[in-house]
Amino acid sequence: MNSIVTVQDAVIAFADWIEPTDAELDAIDAEMPVILADVDLLDAQIITLDRTPSELDARRIRRARRRALAARVALINRKSASMSGGAA
């Protein structure tokens, strides 16, 4: 007869894998400005889905796109600076 493993036993066996590691949380924290900038860009784009974008909407989208790109550039610069040891 085959033994039956309960769902609780399976979850408990892998409990260490459920929570994110400190390194994963640090990576999320480092990328949070990019994530928030992308959310702002999506919000600006979603506003214009059901209507013709006005000049104000277009400016809002351009500003949000510039902020998202700037956040990405800053993240890449931080990563490259940390990889090179900070020496420029």
C-alpha atoms as a PDB file:
ATOM      1  CA  MET A   1       0.000   0.000   0.000  1.00  0.00           C
ATOM      2  CA  ASN A   2       1.296   3.472  -0.926  1.00  0.00           C
ATOM      3  CA  SER A   3       1.662   6.003   1.825  1.00  0.00           C
ATOM      4  CA  ILE A   4      -0.361   9.178   1.404  1.00  0.00           C
ATOM      5  CA  VAL A   5       1.396  12.446   2.095  1.00  0.00           C
ATOM      6  CA  THR A   6      -0.873  15.179   3.336  1.00  0.00           C
ATOM      7  CA  VAL A   7      -0.693  18.659   1.906  1.00  0.00           C
ATOM      8  CA  GLN A   8       0.453  19.980   5.273  1.00  0.00           C
ATOM      9  CA  ASP A   9       3.437  17.618   5.290  1.00  0.00           C
ATOM     10  CA  ALA A  10       4.382  18.751   1.799  1.00  0.00           C
ATOM     11  CA  VAL A  11       4.152  22.426   2.756  1.00  0.00           C
ATOM     12  CA  ILE A  12       6.118  21.974   5.949  1.00  0.00           C
ATOM     13  CA  ALA A  13       8.816  20.048   4.106  1.00  0.00           C
ATOM     14  CA  PHE A  14       9.452  23.070   1.857  1.00  0.00           C
ATOM     15  CA  ALA A  15       8.753  25.837   4.378  1.00  0.00           C
ATOM     16  CA  ASP A  16      12.226  27.345   3.908  1.00  0.00           C
ATOM     17  CA  TRP A  17      11.511  27.818   0.208  1.00  0.00           C
ATOM     18  CA  ILE A  18       8.285  29.768   0.700  1.00  0.00           C
ATOM     19  CA  GLU A  19       9.724  32.994   2.099  1.00  0.00           C
ATOM     20  CA  PRO A  20      12.010  35.159  -0.037  1.00  0.00           C
ATOM     21  CA  THR A  21      15.636  35.242   0.948  1.00  0.00           C
ATOM     22  CA  ASP A  22      17.366  38.380   2.186  1.00  0.00           C
ATOM     23  CA  ALA A  23      19.136  38.694  -1.173  1.00  0.00           C
ATOM     24  CA  GLU A  24      15.813  38.556  -3.026  1.00  0.00           C
ATOM     25  CA  LEU A  25      14.319  41.199  -0.738  1.00  0.00           C
ATOM     26  CA  ASP A  26      17.381  43.410  -1.262  1.00  0.00           C
ATOM     27  CA  ALA A  27      17.003  43.028  -5.034  1.00  0.00           C
ATOM     28  CA  ILE A  28      13.340  44.031  -4.805  1.00  0.00           C
ATOM     29  CA  ASP A  29      14.255  47.067  -2.698  1.00  0.00           C
ATOM     30  CA  ALA A  30      16.897  48.086  -5.231  1.00  0.00           C
ATOM     31  CA  GLU A  31      14.401  47.805  -8.094  1.00  0.00           C
ATOM     32  CA  MET A  32      11.515  49.504  -6.264  1.00  0.00           C
ATOM     33  CA  PRO A  33      12.066  52.954  -7.894  1.00  0.00           C
ATOM     34  CA  VAL A  34      11.847  51.300 -11.326  1.00  0.00           C
ATOM     35  CA  ILE A  35       8.722  49.385 -10.326  1.00  0.00           C
ATOM     36  CA  LEU A  36       7.003  52.507  -8.999  1.00  0.00           C
ATOM     37  CA  ALA A  37       7.961  54.519 -12.095  1.00  0.00           C
ATOM     38  CA  ASP A  38       6.528  51.774 -14.310  1.00  0.00           C
ATOM     39  CA  VAL A  39       3.309  51.793 -12.287  1.00  0.00           C
ATOM     40  CA  ASP A  40       3.035  55.575 -12.775  1.00  0.00           C
ATOM     41  CA  LEU A  41       3.566  55.133 -16.516  1.00  0.00           C
ATOM     42  CA  LEU A  42       0.904  52.433 -16.691  1.00  0.00           C
ATOM     43  CA  ASP A  43      -1.505  54.626 -14.729  1.00  0.00           C
ATOM     44  CA  ALA A  44      -0.956  57.474 -17.166  1.00  0.00           C
ATOM     45  CA  GLN A  45      -1.514  55.145 -20.122  1.00  0.00           C
ATOM     46  CA  ILE A  46      -4.604  53.514 -18.597  1.00  0.00           C
ATOM     47  CA  ILE A  47      -6.243  56.911 -18.119  1.00  0.00           C
ATOM     48  CA  THR A  48      -6.174  57.447 -21.883  1.00  0.00           C
ATOM     49  CA  LEU A  49      -7.526  54.031 -22.910  1.00  0.00           C
ATOM     50  CA  ASP A  50     -11.155  55.042 -23.228  1.00  0.00           C
ATOM     51  CA  ARG A  51     -10.700  58.534 -24.620  1.00  0.00           C
ATOM     52  CA  THR A  52      -8.598  60.536 -27.003  1.00  0.00           C
ATOM     53  CA  PRO A  53      -5.532  61.754 -25.122  1.00  0.00           C
ATOM     54  CA  SER A  54      -5.489  65.487 -24.493  1.00  0.00           C
ATOM     55  CA  GLU A  55      -2.325  67.566 -24.441  1.00  0.00           C
ATOM     56  CA  LEU A  56      -2.261  67.205 -20.652  1.00  0.00           C
ATOM     57  CA  ASP A  57      -2.507  63.410 -20.977  1.00  0.00           C
ATOM     58  CA  ALA A  58       0.311  63.377 -23.518  1.00  0.00           C
ATOM     59  CA  ARG A  59       2.522  65.444 -21.200  1.00  0.00           C
ATOM     60  CA  ARG A  60       1.683  63.165 -18.282  1.00  0.00           C
ATOM     61  CA  ILE A  61       2.683  60.110 -20.327  1.00  0.00           C
ATOM     62  CA  ARG A  62       5.905  61.752 -21.517  1.00  0.00           C
ATOM     63  CA  ARG A  63       6.867  62.724 -17.963  1.00  0.00           C
ATOM     64  CA  ALA A  64       6.069  59.235 -16.679  1.00  0.00           C
ATOM     65  CA  ARG A  65       8.076  57.658 -19.511  1.00  0.00           C
ATOM     66  CA  ARG A  66      11.062  59.906 -18.744  1.00  0.00           C
ATOM     67  CA  ARG A  67      10.848  59.032 -15.034  1.00  0.00           C
ATOM     68  CA  ALA A  68      10.709  55.315 -15.852  1.00  0.00           C
ATOM     69  CA  LEU A  69      13.732  55.572 -18.136  1.00  0.00           C
ATOM     70  CA  ALA A  70      15.642  57.649 -15.587  1.00  0.00           C
ATOM     71  CA  ALA A  71      14.888  55.088 -12.874  1.00  0.00           C
ATOM     72  CA  ARG A  72      16.176  52.301 -15.121  1.00  0.00           C
ATOM     73  CA  VAL A  73      19.350  54.234 -15.927  1.00  0.00           C
ATOM     74  CA  ALA A  74      19.949  54.922 -12.227  1.00  0.00           C
ATOM     75  CA  LEU A  75      19.474  51.231 -11.404  1.00  0.00           C
ATOM     76  CA  ILE A  76      21.892  50.159 -14.139  1.00  0.00           C
ATOM     77  CA  ASN A  77      24.441  52.736 -12.994  1.00  0.00           C
ATOM     78  CA  ARG A  78      24.172  51.514  -9.388  1.00  0.00           C
ATOM     79  CA  LYS A  79      24.609  47.901 -10.499  1.00  0.00           C
ATOM     80  CA  SER A  80      27.600  48.675 -12.701  1.00  0.00           C
ATOM     81  CA  ALA A  81      29.202  50.792  -9.971  1.00  0.00           C
ATOM     82  CA  SER A  82      28.800  47.986  -7.440  1.00  0.00           C
ATOM     83  CA  MET A  83      30.191  45.423  -9.899  1.00  0.00           C
ATOM     84  CA  SER A  84      33.278  47.497 -10.609  1.00  0.00           C
ATOM     85  CA  GLY A  85      33.878  48.018  -6.912  1.00  0.00           C
ATOM     86  CA  GLY A  86      33.020  51.698  -7.061  1.00  0.00           C
ATOM     87  CA  ALA A  87      36.294  52.634  -8.746  1.00  0.00           C
ATOM     88  CA  ALA A  88      35.789  54.776 -11.799  1.00  0.00           C
END
